[in-house]
Amino acid sequence: MLTDTVGAMADQRRDTRAPRRLLVLALVLLGAACGGNGDPVAEDPGGPATFATDIATELLAPLEGLGPCGDQPEAVAPVDSVEGLHLPDGARLTSVSQDGPLVQVEGWVPLTPIGVRADYVSADNLEVLEIINVEDEIWESETLVTDGQHRLFVKAQGICRTESIFVAIVTAEDGSAPQPLGQDGS
């Protein structure tokens, strides 16, 4: 008798979950169709995609779910030592490596992940950079940009309330290998 009652309760519980799951799925699909979160939204099917540059103030707030920030890491190389690397002010490189036409850097920045994305879509940067794609989550952001000569991908992850670590990959638009690290080519 007890097993019959438990089985009936489980069946009833399954019956109430299905409509909720369908509703959640429908809301997710509707949100994706609307092009939210900085995803490209085509204004004209034949024209260029545009990106939301207005970021809600509450998204730029400190990450309350993370603890206080500690000591800032030491830089191993200046940001301008990597050709085509555009990073927010205050960023520090903690690792730099080259593999063929790709240069990968890792580092730290005094911004939340959404703050990193906000820096790339700021008016000053949009004069120099073209945004190719952005993806935001509260604890992480990804940005792909070009300066016309170099393509740059930056992924930032929050590590404390107001700071992030990042990995960035830079390559020349034409696929050629960049100048050796620390060299200006002359």
N, C-alpha and C. Protein backbone atom coordinates (compact mmCIF):
# COMPACT_ATOMS: atom_id res chain seq x y z
N MET A 1 0.82 -1.19 0.00
CA MET A 1 0.00 0.00 0.00
C MET A 1 0.86 1.25 0.00
N LEU A 2 1.92 1.24 0.81
CA LEU A 2 2.81 2.39 0.85
C LEU A 2 3.47 2.63 -0.50
N THR A 3 3.88 1.55 -1.16
CA THR A 3 4.51 1.71 -2.48
C THR A 3 3.52 2.23 -3.50
N ASP A 4 2.24 1.86 -3.39
CA ASP A 4 1.22 2.40 -4.30
C ASP A 4 1.06 3.90 -4.11
N THR A 5 1.06 4.35 -2.85
CA THR A 5 0.90 5.78 -2.54
C THR A 5 2.10 6.56 -3.04
N VAL A 6 3.31 6.05 -2.80
CA VAL A 6 4.53 6.72 -3.27
C VAL A 6 4.55 6.78 -4.79
N GLY A 7 4.16 5.69 -5.44
CA GLY A 7 4.11 5.67 -6.91
C GLY A 7 3.12 6.68 -7.45
N ALA A 8 1.95 6.79 -6.83
CA ALA A 8 0.94 7.76 -7.27
C ALA A 8 1.45 9.19 -7.09
N MET A 9 2.14 9.45 -5.97
CA MET A 9 2.69 10.79 -5.72
C MET A 9 3.76 11.12 -6.77
N ALA A 10 4.58 10.14 -7.13
CA ALA A 10 5.62 10.37 -8.14
C ALA A 10 5.00 10.67 -9.49
N ASP A 11 3.92 9.93 -9.86
CA ASP A 11 3.23 10.19 -11.13
C ASP A 11 2.64 11.59 -11.15
N GLN A 12 2.03 12.00 -10.03
CA GLN A 12 1.42 13.33 -9.95
C GLN A 12 2.51 14.40 -10.06
N ARG A 13 3.65 14.18 -9.43
CA ARG A 13 4.74 15.15 -9.48
C ARG A 13 5.27 15.29 -10.91
N ARG A 14 5.43 14.16 -11.62
CA ARG A 14 5.87 14.20 -13.02
C ARG A 14 4.90 14.97 -13.88
N ASP A 15 3.62 14.79 -13.63
CA ASP A 15 2.59 15.46 -14.43
C ASP A 15 2.66 16.98 -14.27
N THR A 16 3.04 17.51 -13.09
CA THR A 16 3.11 18.96 -12.90
C THR A 16 4.43 19.53 -13.40
N ARG A 17 5.47 18.71 -13.55
CA ARG A 17 6.76 19.21 -14.04
C ARG A 17 6.75 19.46 -15.55
N ALA A 18 6.08 18.63 -16.30
CA ALA A 18 6.10 18.74 -17.76
C ALA A 18 5.63 20.11 -18.24
N PRO A 19 4.49 20.64 -17.78
CA PRO A 19 4.09 21.98 -18.26
C PRO A 19 5.08 23.07 -17.85
N ARG A 20 5.67 22.95 -16.67
CA ARG A 20 6.66 23.95 -16.23
C ARG A 20 7.89 23.90 -17.13
N ARG A 21 8.33 22.71 -17.45
CA ARG A 21 9.50 22.57 -18.32
C ARG A 21 9.22 23.16 -19.69
N LEU A 22 8.04 22.92 -20.22
CA LEU A 22 7.68 23.49 -21.53
C LEU A 22 7.63 25.01 -21.46
N LEU A 23 7.10 25.56 -20.37
CA LEU A 23 7.05 27.00 -20.21
C LEU A 23 8.45 27.59 -20.15
N VAL A 24 9.34 26.98 -19.37
CA VAL A 24 10.72 27.46 -19.27
C VAL A 24 11.40 27.39 -20.63
N LEU A 25 11.22 26.27 -21.34
CA LEU A 25 11.81 26.13 -22.67
C LEU A 25 11.28 27.20 -23.62
N ALA A 26 9.98 27.46 -23.59
CA ALA A 26 9.40 28.49 -24.45
C ALA A 26 9.97 29.86 -24.13
N LEU A 27 10.14 30.17 -22.86
CA LEU A 27 10.70 31.47 -22.47
C LEU A 27 12.14 31.61 -22.92
N VAL A 28 12.93 30.54 -22.80
CA VAL A 28 14.32 30.57 -23.24
C VAL A 28 14.39 30.80 -24.75
N LEU A 29 13.57 30.06 -25.49
CA LEU A 29 13.57 30.22 -26.95
C LEU A 29 13.10 31.61 -27.35
N LEU A 30 12.10 32.15 -26.65
CA LEU A 30 11.62 33.50 -26.94
C LEU A 30 12.72 34.52 -26.68
N GLY A 31 13.42 34.36 -25.56
CA GLY A 31 14.52 35.27 -25.25
C GLY A 31 15.63 35.21 -26.28
N ALA A 32 15.95 34.01 -26.74
CA ALA A 32 16.99 33.86 -27.77
C ALA A 32 16.55 34.48 -29.07
N ALA A 33 15.28 34.36 -29.41
CA ALA A 33 14.78 34.93 -30.66
C ALA A 33 14.78 36.44 -30.64
N CYS A 34 14.70 37.02 -29.45
CA CYS A 34 14.70 38.48 -29.35
C CYS A 34 16.08 39.08 -29.44
N GLY A 35 17.13 38.26 -29.40
CA GLY A 35 18.49 38.76 -29.56
C GLY A 35 19.01 39.53 -28.37
N GLY A 36 18.67 39.15 -27.17
CA GLY A 36 19.12 39.85 -25.97
C GLY A 36 20.56 39.55 -25.64
N ASN A 37 21.06 40.16 -24.53
CA ASN A 37 22.39 39.93 -23.99
C ASN A 37 23.52 40.30 -24.93
N GLY A 38 23.32 41.29 -25.80
CA GLY A 38 24.40 41.74 -26.65
C GLY A 38 24.60 40.91 -27.89
N ASP A 39 23.72 39.92 -28.14
CA ASP A 39 23.84 39.15 -29.36
C ASP A 39 23.52 40.04 -30.54
N PRO A 40 24.08 39.74 -31.70
CA PRO A 40 23.79 40.58 -32.86
C PRO A 40 22.32 40.55 -33.22
N VAL A 41 21.81 41.70 -33.57
CA VAL A 41 20.43 41.83 -34.00
C VAL A 41 20.46 42.48 -35.36
N ALA A 42 19.99 41.78 -36.37
CA ALA A 42 20.02 42.33 -37.72
C ALA A 42 18.89 43.33 -37.88
N GLU A 43 19.23 44.58 -38.19
CA GLU A 43 18.22 45.59 -38.46
C GLU A 43 17.72 45.43 -39.89
N ASP A 44 18.59 45.06 -40.77
CA ASP A 44 18.29 44.87 -42.17
C ASP A 44 18.93 43.55 -42.55
N PRO A 45 18.15 42.59 -43.07
CA PRO A 45 18.74 41.28 -43.36
C PRO A 45 20.00 41.35 -44.22
N GLY A 46 20.12 42.35 -45.05
CA GLY A 46 21.32 42.48 -45.89
C GLY A 46 22.36 43.39 -45.28
N GLY A 47 22.04 44.05 -44.16
CA GLY A 47 22.95 45.02 -43.55
C GLY A 47 23.75 44.42 -42.42
N PRO A 48 24.63 45.22 -41.81
CA PRO A 48 25.48 44.72 -40.73
C PRO A 48 24.68 44.51 -39.44
N ALA A 49 25.17 43.60 -38.60
CA ALA A 49 24.56 43.37 -37.29
C ALA A 49 24.95 44.51 -36.37
N THR A 50 24.12 44.81 -35.39
CA THR A 50 24.43 45.83 -34.39
C THR A 50 24.43 45.17 -33.02
N PHE A 51 25.08 45.81 -32.05
CA PHE A 51 25.18 45.27 -30.71
C PHE A 51 24.68 46.31 -29.72
N ALA A 52 24.04 45.82 -28.68
CA ALA A 52 23.59 46.72 -27.62
C ALA A 52 24.81 47.28 -26.91
N THR A 53 24.90 48.60 -26.85
CA THR A 53 26.02 49.21 -26.15
C THR A 53 25.60 49.75 -24.79
N ASP A 54 24.31 49.79 -24.54
CA ASP A 54 23.82 50.24 -23.23
C ASP A 54 23.78 49.04 -22.30
N ILE A 55 24.49 49.13 -21.20
CA ILE A 55 24.55 48.04 -20.23
C ILE A 55 23.90 48.54 -18.96
N ALA A 56 22.94 47.79 -18.45
CA ALA A 56 22.23 48.18 -17.24
C ALA A 56 23.22 48.39 -16.10
N THR A 57 23.02 49.47 -15.36
CA THR A 57 23.92 49.84 -14.26
C THR A 57 24.07 48.71 -13.25
N GLU A 58 22.96 48.00 -12.96
CA GLU A 58 23.05 46.92 -11.96
C GLU A 58 23.95 45.79 -12.41
N LEU A 59 24.16 45.62 -13.73
CA LEU A 59 25.06 44.58 -14.21
C LEU A 59 26.53 44.96 -14.00
N LEU A 60 26.79 46.25 -13.84
CA LEU A 60 28.17 46.71 -13.61
C LEU A 60 28.54 46.74 -12.13
N ALA A 61 27.61 46.39 -11.27
CA ALA A 61 27.84 46.39 -9.82
C ALA A 61 28.81 45.27 -9.45
N PRO A 62 29.45 45.38 -8.28
CA PRO A 62 30.33 44.30 -7.81
C PRO A 62 29.57 42.97 -7.74
N LEU A 63 30.30 41.89 -7.92
CA LEU A 63 29.71 40.54 -7.88
C LEU A 63 29.56 40.12 -6.43
N GLU A 64 28.36 40.28 -5.90
CA GLU A 64 28.11 40.02 -4.48
C GLU A 64 28.32 38.57 -4.09
N GLY A 65 28.20 37.64 -5.01
CA GLY A 65 28.35 36.22 -4.69
C GLY A 65 29.79 35.79 -4.50
N LEU A 66 30.73 36.67 -4.84
CA LEU A 66 32.15 36.34 -4.70
C LEU A 66 32.74 37.11 -3.53
N GLY A 67 33.84 36.62 -3.01
CA GLY A 67 34.47 37.23 -1.84
C GLY A 67 35.25 38.48 -2.17
N PRO A 68 35.88 39.05 -1.16
CA PRO A 68 36.70 40.24 -1.37
C PRO A 68 37.94 39.91 -2.20
N CYS A 69 38.48 40.94 -2.82
CA CYS A 69 39.65 40.76 -3.68
C CYS A 69 40.94 40.76 -2.87
N GLY A 70 41.93 40.05 -3.37
CA GLY A 70 43.22 39.96 -2.70
C GLY A 70 44.25 40.82 -3.39
N ASP A 71 45.50 40.39 -3.29
CA ASP A 71 46.60 41.13 -3.90
C ASP A 71 46.54 41.01 -5.42
N GLN A 72 46.97 42.06 -6.09
CA GLN A 72 47.02 42.06 -7.55
C GLN A 72 48.29 41.34 -8.00
N PRO A 73 48.20 40.56 -9.07
CA PRO A 73 49.37 39.82 -9.54
C PRO A 73 50.40 40.75 -10.19
N GLU A 74 51.64 40.29 -10.21
CA GLU A 74 52.71 41.02 -10.89
C GLU A 74 52.60 40.79 -12.39
N ALA A 75 52.90 41.81 -13.16
CA ALA A 75 52.88 41.70 -14.62
C ALA A 75 54.20 41.09 -15.10
N VAL A 76 54.11 40.20 -16.10
CA VAL A 76 55.31 39.60 -16.68
C VAL A 76 55.75 40.34 -17.95
N ALA A 77 54.84 41.13 -18.52
CA ALA A 77 55.15 41.89 -19.73
C ALA A 77 54.15 43.04 -19.84
N PRO A 78 54.57 44.14 -20.47
CA PRO A 78 53.62 45.23 -20.68
C PRO A 78 52.58 44.86 -21.73
N VAL A 79 51.37 45.39 -21.59
CA VAL A 79 50.28 45.11 -22.52
C VAL A 79 50.67 45.48 -23.94
N ASP A 80 51.39 46.58 -24.12
CA ASP A 80 51.74 47.02 -25.48
C ASP A 80 52.86 46.20 -26.12
N SER A 81 53.34 45.15 -25.42
CA SER A 81 54.37 44.29 -26.01
C SER A 81 53.78 43.29 -27.00
N VAL A 82 52.45 43.19 -27.05
CA VAL A 82 51.79 42.25 -27.97
C VAL A 82 51.03 43.08 -29.01
N GLU A 83 51.46 42.95 -30.25
CA GLU A 83 50.84 43.68 -31.34
C GLU A 83 49.37 43.26 -31.50
N GLY A 84 48.47 44.27 -31.55
CA GLY A 84 47.04 44.00 -31.74
C GLY A 84 46.28 43.69 -30.47
N LEU A 85 46.94 43.74 -29.31
CA LEU A 85 46.28 43.45 -28.04
C LEU A 85 45.67 44.73 -27.48
N HIS A 86 44.37 44.75 -27.35
CA HIS A 86 43.65 45.89 -26.78
C HIS A 86 42.98 45.40 -25.50
N LEU A 87 43.40 45.93 -24.35
CA LEU A 87 42.84 45.52 -23.07
C LEU A 87 42.42 46.75 -22.28
N PRO A 88 41.48 46.60 -21.34
CA PRO A 88 41.06 47.72 -20.51
C PRO A 88 42.23 48.28 -19.69
N ASP A 89 42.14 49.56 -19.33
CA ASP A 89 43.16 50.19 -18.49
C ASP A 89 43.34 49.40 -17.20
N GLY A 90 44.58 49.27 -16.79
CA GLY A 90 44.90 48.58 -15.55
C GLY A 90 45.14 47.09 -15.70
N ALA A 91 44.92 46.55 -16.89
CA ALA A 91 45.12 45.11 -17.10
C ALA A 91 46.59 44.76 -16.94
N ARG A 92 46.84 43.58 -16.40
CA ARG A 92 48.20 43.08 -16.23
C ARG A 92 48.33 41.71 -16.89
N LEU A 93 49.40 41.52 -17.63
CA LEU A 93 49.66 40.24 -18.27
C LEU A 93 50.43 39.36 -17.30
N THR A 94 49.95 38.14 -17.09
CA THR A 94 50.64 37.20 -16.20
C THR A 94 51.27 36.05 -16.98
N SER A 95 50.93 35.93 -18.27
CA SER A 95 51.49 34.88 -19.11
C SER A 95 51.35 35.31 -20.57
N VAL A 96 52.41 35.09 -21.35
CA VAL A 96 52.39 35.39 -22.79
C VAL A 96 53.05 34.23 -23.52
N SER A 97 52.36 33.69 -24.52
CA SER A 97 52.96 32.61 -25.31
C SER A 97 52.52 32.76 -26.76
N GLN A 98 53.34 32.21 -27.66
CA GLN A 98 53.05 32.28 -29.08
C GLN A 98 53.06 30.88 -29.67
N ASP A 99 52.07 30.59 -30.50
CA ASP A 99 51.98 29.31 -31.18
C ASP A 99 51.61 29.60 -32.63
N GLY A 100 52.60 29.63 -33.50
CA GLY A 100 52.35 29.97 -34.90
C GLY A 100 51.80 31.38 -35.02
N PRO A 101 50.65 31.53 -35.71
CA PRO A 101 50.10 32.86 -35.90
C PRO A 101 49.29 33.38 -34.71
N LEU A 102 49.20 32.61 -33.63
CA LEU A 102 48.40 33.00 -32.47
C LEU A 102 49.30 33.42 -31.31
N VAL A 103 48.91 34.50 -30.65
CA VAL A 103 49.54 34.89 -29.39
C VAL A 103 48.47 34.78 -28.32
N GLN A 104 48.77 34.02 -27.27
CA GLN A 104 47.83 33.88 -26.17
C GLN A 104 48.41 34.58 -24.95
N VAL A 105 47.57 35.38 -24.32
CA VAL A 105 47.98 36.03 -23.07
C VAL A 105 46.94 35.69 -22.00
N GLU A 106 47.41 35.65 -20.79
CA GLU A 106 46.53 35.50 -19.63
C GLU A 106 46.84 36.66 -18.72
N GLY A 107 45.87 37.03 -17.91
CA GLY A 107 46.13 38.15 -17.03
C GLY A 107 44.99 38.45 -16.08
N TRP A 108 45.07 39.63 -15.52
CA TRP A 108 44.17 40.12 -14.49
C TRP A 108 43.73 41.52 -14.89
N VAL A 109 42.50 41.88 -14.54
CA VAL A 109 41.98 43.21 -14.84
C VAL A 109 41.10 43.67 -13.67
N PRO A 110 41.15 44.96 -13.32
CA PRO A 110 40.38 45.46 -12.18
C PRO A 110 38.92 45.77 -12.54
N LEU A 111 38.26 44.86 -13.25
CA LEU A 111 36.86 45.03 -13.66
C LEU A 111 36.13 43.70 -13.52
N THR A 112 34.82 43.77 -13.37
CA THR A 112 34.01 42.56 -13.45
C THR A 112 33.98 42.12 -14.91
N PRO A 113 33.56 40.89 -15.20
CA PRO A 113 33.48 40.46 -16.60
C PRO A 113 32.58 41.37 -17.45
N ILE A 114 31.45 41.80 -16.91
CA ILE A 114 30.58 42.71 -17.66
C ILE A 114 31.27 44.06 -17.83
N GLY A 115 32.06 44.47 -16.87
CA GLY A 115 32.84 45.70 -16.99
C GLY A 115 33.86 45.62 -18.12
N VAL A 116 34.44 44.42 -18.31
CA VAL A 116 35.39 44.21 -19.42
C VAL A 116 34.65 44.40 -20.73
N ARG A 117 33.49 43.76 -20.87
CA ARG A 117 32.70 43.91 -22.10
C ARG A 117 32.29 45.36 -22.30
N ALA A 118 31.90 46.04 -21.22
CA ALA A 118 31.50 47.45 -21.32
C ALA A 118 32.65 48.31 -21.83
N ASP A 119 33.87 47.97 -21.44
CA ASP A 119 35.03 48.72 -21.92
C ASP A 119 35.17 48.59 -23.43
N TYR A 120 34.96 47.39 -23.96
CA TYR A 120 35.10 47.19 -25.41
C TYR A 120 34.02 47.92 -26.20
N VAL A 121 32.83 48.05 -25.66
CA VAL A 121 31.76 48.72 -26.40
C VAL A 121 31.64 50.20 -26.03
N SER A 122 32.64 50.74 -25.33
CA SER A 122 32.63 52.17 -25.01
C SER A 122 32.89 52.97 -26.28
N ALA A 123 32.45 54.21 -26.27
CA ALA A 123 32.58 55.07 -27.45
C ALA A 123 34.04 55.20 -27.90
N ASP A 124 34.97 55.35 -26.95
CA ASP A 124 36.38 55.49 -27.32
C ASP A 124 36.90 54.26 -28.05
N ASN A 125 36.57 53.08 -27.56
CA ASN A 125 37.05 51.85 -28.20
C ASN A 125 36.35 51.58 -29.53
N LEU A 126 35.08 51.98 -29.64
CA LEU A 126 34.37 51.74 -30.90
C LEU A 126 34.91 52.59 -32.04
N GLU A 127 35.70 53.62 -31.72
CA GLU A 127 36.37 54.40 -32.77
C GLU A 127 37.53 53.61 -33.37
N VAL A 128 38.10 52.68 -32.59
CA VAL A 128 39.26 51.90 -33.02
C VAL A 128 38.90 50.46 -33.35
N LEU A 129 37.94 49.90 -32.63
CA LEU A 129 37.61 48.49 -32.74
C LEU A 129 36.22 48.28 -33.35
N GLU A 130 36.09 47.19 -34.07
CA GLU A 130 34.78 46.75 -34.56
C GLU A 130 34.41 45.52 -33.75
N ILE A 131 33.23 45.54 -33.16
CA ILE A 131 32.75 44.40 -32.38
C ILE A 131 32.24 43.35 -33.35
N ILE A 132 32.76 42.15 -33.24
CA ILE A 132 32.30 41.03 -34.07
C ILE A 132 31.25 40.23 -33.32
N ASN A 133 31.50 39.96 -32.04
CA ASN A 133 30.55 39.19 -31.24
C ASN A 133 30.82 39.43 -29.76
N VAL A 134 29.78 39.43 -28.97
CA VAL A 134 29.90 39.49 -27.51
C VAL A 134 28.93 38.48 -26.91
N GLU A 135 29.31 37.96 -25.76
CA GLU A 135 28.43 37.07 -25.01
C GLU A 135 28.66 37.35 -23.54
N ASP A 136 27.58 37.63 -22.85
CA ASP A 136 27.67 37.96 -21.44
C ASP A 136 26.96 36.94 -20.58
N GLU A 137 27.56 36.66 -19.47
CA GLU A 137 26.93 36.02 -18.33
C GLU A 137 27.40 36.87 -17.17
N ILE A 138 26.79 36.77 -16.06
CA ILE A 138 27.17 37.62 -14.94
C ILE A 138 28.62 37.37 -14.52
N TRP A 139 29.03 36.12 -14.46
CA TRP A 139 30.36 35.76 -13.95
C TRP A 139 31.40 35.64 -15.05
N GLU A 140 30.98 35.81 -16.31
CA GLU A 140 31.89 35.59 -17.42
C GLU A 140 31.42 36.40 -18.63
N SER A 141 32.38 36.87 -19.43
CA SER A 141 32.03 37.53 -20.69
C SER A 141 33.05 37.12 -21.75
N GLU A 142 32.60 37.12 -22.99
CA GLU A 142 33.46 36.82 -24.12
C GLU A 142 33.26 37.92 -25.15
N THR A 143 34.37 38.41 -25.70
CA THR A 143 34.31 39.49 -26.68
C THR A 143 35.26 39.17 -27.82
N LEU A 144 34.77 39.34 -29.05
CA LEU A 144 35.59 39.15 -30.24
C LEU A 144 35.55 40.46 -31.02
N VAL A 145 36.73 41.05 -31.25
CA VAL A 145 36.83 42.35 -31.92
C VAL A 145 37.92 42.31 -32.98
N THR A 146 37.93 43.32 -33.84
CA THR A 146 39.01 43.51 -34.79
C THR A 146 39.37 45.00 -34.82
N ASP A 147 40.65 45.26 -35.04
CA ASP A 147 41.09 46.64 -35.25
C ASP A 147 41.39 46.87 -36.73
N GLY A 148 40.98 45.92 -37.57
CA GLY A 148 41.23 46.00 -39.01
C GLY A 148 42.47 45.24 -39.44
N GLN A 149 43.43 45.09 -38.52
CA GLN A 149 44.65 44.35 -38.81
C GLN A 149 44.79 43.09 -37.96
N HIS A 150 44.19 43.12 -36.79
CA HIS A 150 44.29 41.99 -35.85
C HIS A 150 42.91 41.62 -35.34
N ARG A 151 42.73 40.34 -35.10
CA ARG A 151 41.51 39.86 -34.49
C ARG A 151 41.86 39.47 -33.05
N LEU A 152 40.99 39.85 -32.10
CA LEU A 152 41.24 39.64 -30.68
C LEU A 152 40.01 39.01 -30.03
N PHE A 153 40.23 37.89 -29.34
CA PHE A 153 39.20 37.24 -28.55
C PHE A 153 39.60 37.34 -27.09
N VAL A 154 38.69 37.83 -26.24
CA VAL A 154 38.97 37.97 -24.81
C VAL A 154 37.84 37.31 -24.02
N LYS A 155 38.23 36.40 -23.12
CA LYS A 155 37.28 35.76 -22.21
C LYS A 155 37.67 36.17 -20.79
N ALA A 156 36.75 36.83 -20.09
CA ALA A 156 37.01 37.28 -18.72
C ALA A 156 36.11 36.52 -17.76
N GLN A 157 36.67 36.15 -16.60
CA GLN A 157 35.92 35.44 -15.56
C GLN A 157 36.14 36.14 -14.23
N GLY A 158 35.04 36.39 -13.51
CA GLY A 158 35.14 37.04 -12.21
C GLY A 158 35.82 36.14 -11.20
N ILE A 159 36.74 36.74 -10.42
CA ILE A 159 37.43 35.97 -9.37
C ILE A 159 37.13 36.51 -7.98
N CYS A 160 36.62 37.73 -7.92
CA CYS A 160 36.23 38.35 -6.66
C CYS A 160 35.20 39.42 -6.99
N ARG A 161 34.82 40.21 -6.03
CA ARG A 161 33.72 41.17 -6.23
C ARG A 161 33.95 42.16 -7.37
N THR A 162 35.18 42.61 -7.59
CA THR A 162 35.42 43.68 -8.57
C THR A 162 36.56 43.39 -9.54
N GLU A 163 37.06 42.17 -9.59
CA GLU A 163 38.20 41.87 -10.45
C GLU A 163 37.96 40.59 -11.25
N SER A 164 38.67 40.47 -12.36
CA SER A 164 38.55 39.30 -13.22
C SER A 164 39.91 38.84 -13.69
N ILE A 165 39.97 37.57 -14.06
CA ILE A 165 41.12 37.06 -14.81
C ILE A 165 40.65 36.93 -16.25
N PHE A 166 41.58 36.89 -17.17
CA PHE A 166 41.19 36.77 -18.57
C PHE A 166 42.21 35.94 -19.33
N VAL A 167 41.75 35.43 -20.46
CA VAL A 167 42.62 34.83 -21.46
C VAL A 167 42.26 35.54 -22.76
N ALA A 168 43.28 35.91 -23.51
CA ALA A 168 43.05 36.61 -24.78
C ALA A 168 43.92 35.96 -25.85
N ILE A 169 43.36 35.88 -27.05
CA ILE A 169 44.10 35.33 -28.19
C ILE A 169 44.08 36.37 -29.30
N VAL A 170 45.26 36.67 -29.84
CA VAL A 170 45.41 37.67 -30.89
C VAL A 170 46.01 37.00 -32.12
N THR A 171 45.51 37.36 -33.29
CA THR A 171 46.09 36.89 -34.54
C THR A 171 45.91 37.98 -35.59
N ALA A 172 46.76 37.96 -36.60
CA ALA A 172 46.64 38.93 -37.68
C ALA A 172 45.44 38.55 -38.54
N GLU A 173 44.74 39.55 -39.06
CA GLU A 173 43.58 39.30 -39.92
C GLU A 173 43.96 38.49 -41.15
N ASP A 174 45.17 38.67 -41.66
CA ASP A 174 45.57 37.95 -42.88
C ASP A 174 46.14 36.57 -42.57
N GLY A 175 46.17 36.17 -41.29
CA GLY A 175 46.65 34.85 -40.91
C GLY A 175 48.15 34.74 -40.78
N SER A 176 48.89 35.82 -41.02
CA SER A 176 50.35 35.77 -40.91
C SER A 176 50.76 35.77 -39.44
N ALA A 177 51.95 35.28 -39.20
CA ALA A 177 52.48 35.26 -37.84
C ALA A 177 52.79 36.68 -37.40
N PRO A 178 52.49 37.04 -36.15
CA PRO A 178 52.83 38.37 -35.65
C PRO A 178 54.34 38.53 -35.50
N GLN A 179 54.75 39.76 -35.32
CA GLN A 179 56.16 40.02 -35.05
C GLN A 179 56.55 39.27 -33.78
N PRO A 180 57.81 38.84 -33.68
CA PRO A 180 58.23 38.16 -32.43
C PRO A 180 57.90 39.04 -31.23
N LEU A 181 57.52 38.40 -30.14
CA LEU A 181 57.14 39.14 -28.94
C LEU A 181 58.26 40.09 -28.54
N GLY A 182 57.89 41.31 -28.23
CA GLY A 182 58.85 42.31 -27.80
C GLY A 182 59.61 42.97 -28.93
N GLN A 183 59.31 42.63 -30.18
CA GLN A 183 60.01 43.21 -31.34
C GLN A 183 59.06 44.14 -32.07
N ASP A 184 59.57 45.20 -32.62
CA ASP A 184 58.72 46.09 -33.41
C ASP A 184 58.89 45.86 -34.90
N GLY A 185 59.69 44.89 -35.29
CA GLY A 185 59.84 44.53 -36.69
C GLY A 185 60.87 45.35 -37.45
N SER A 186 61.51 46.31 -36.78
CA SER A 186 62.50 47.12 -37.49
C SER A 186 63.91 46.64 -37.25
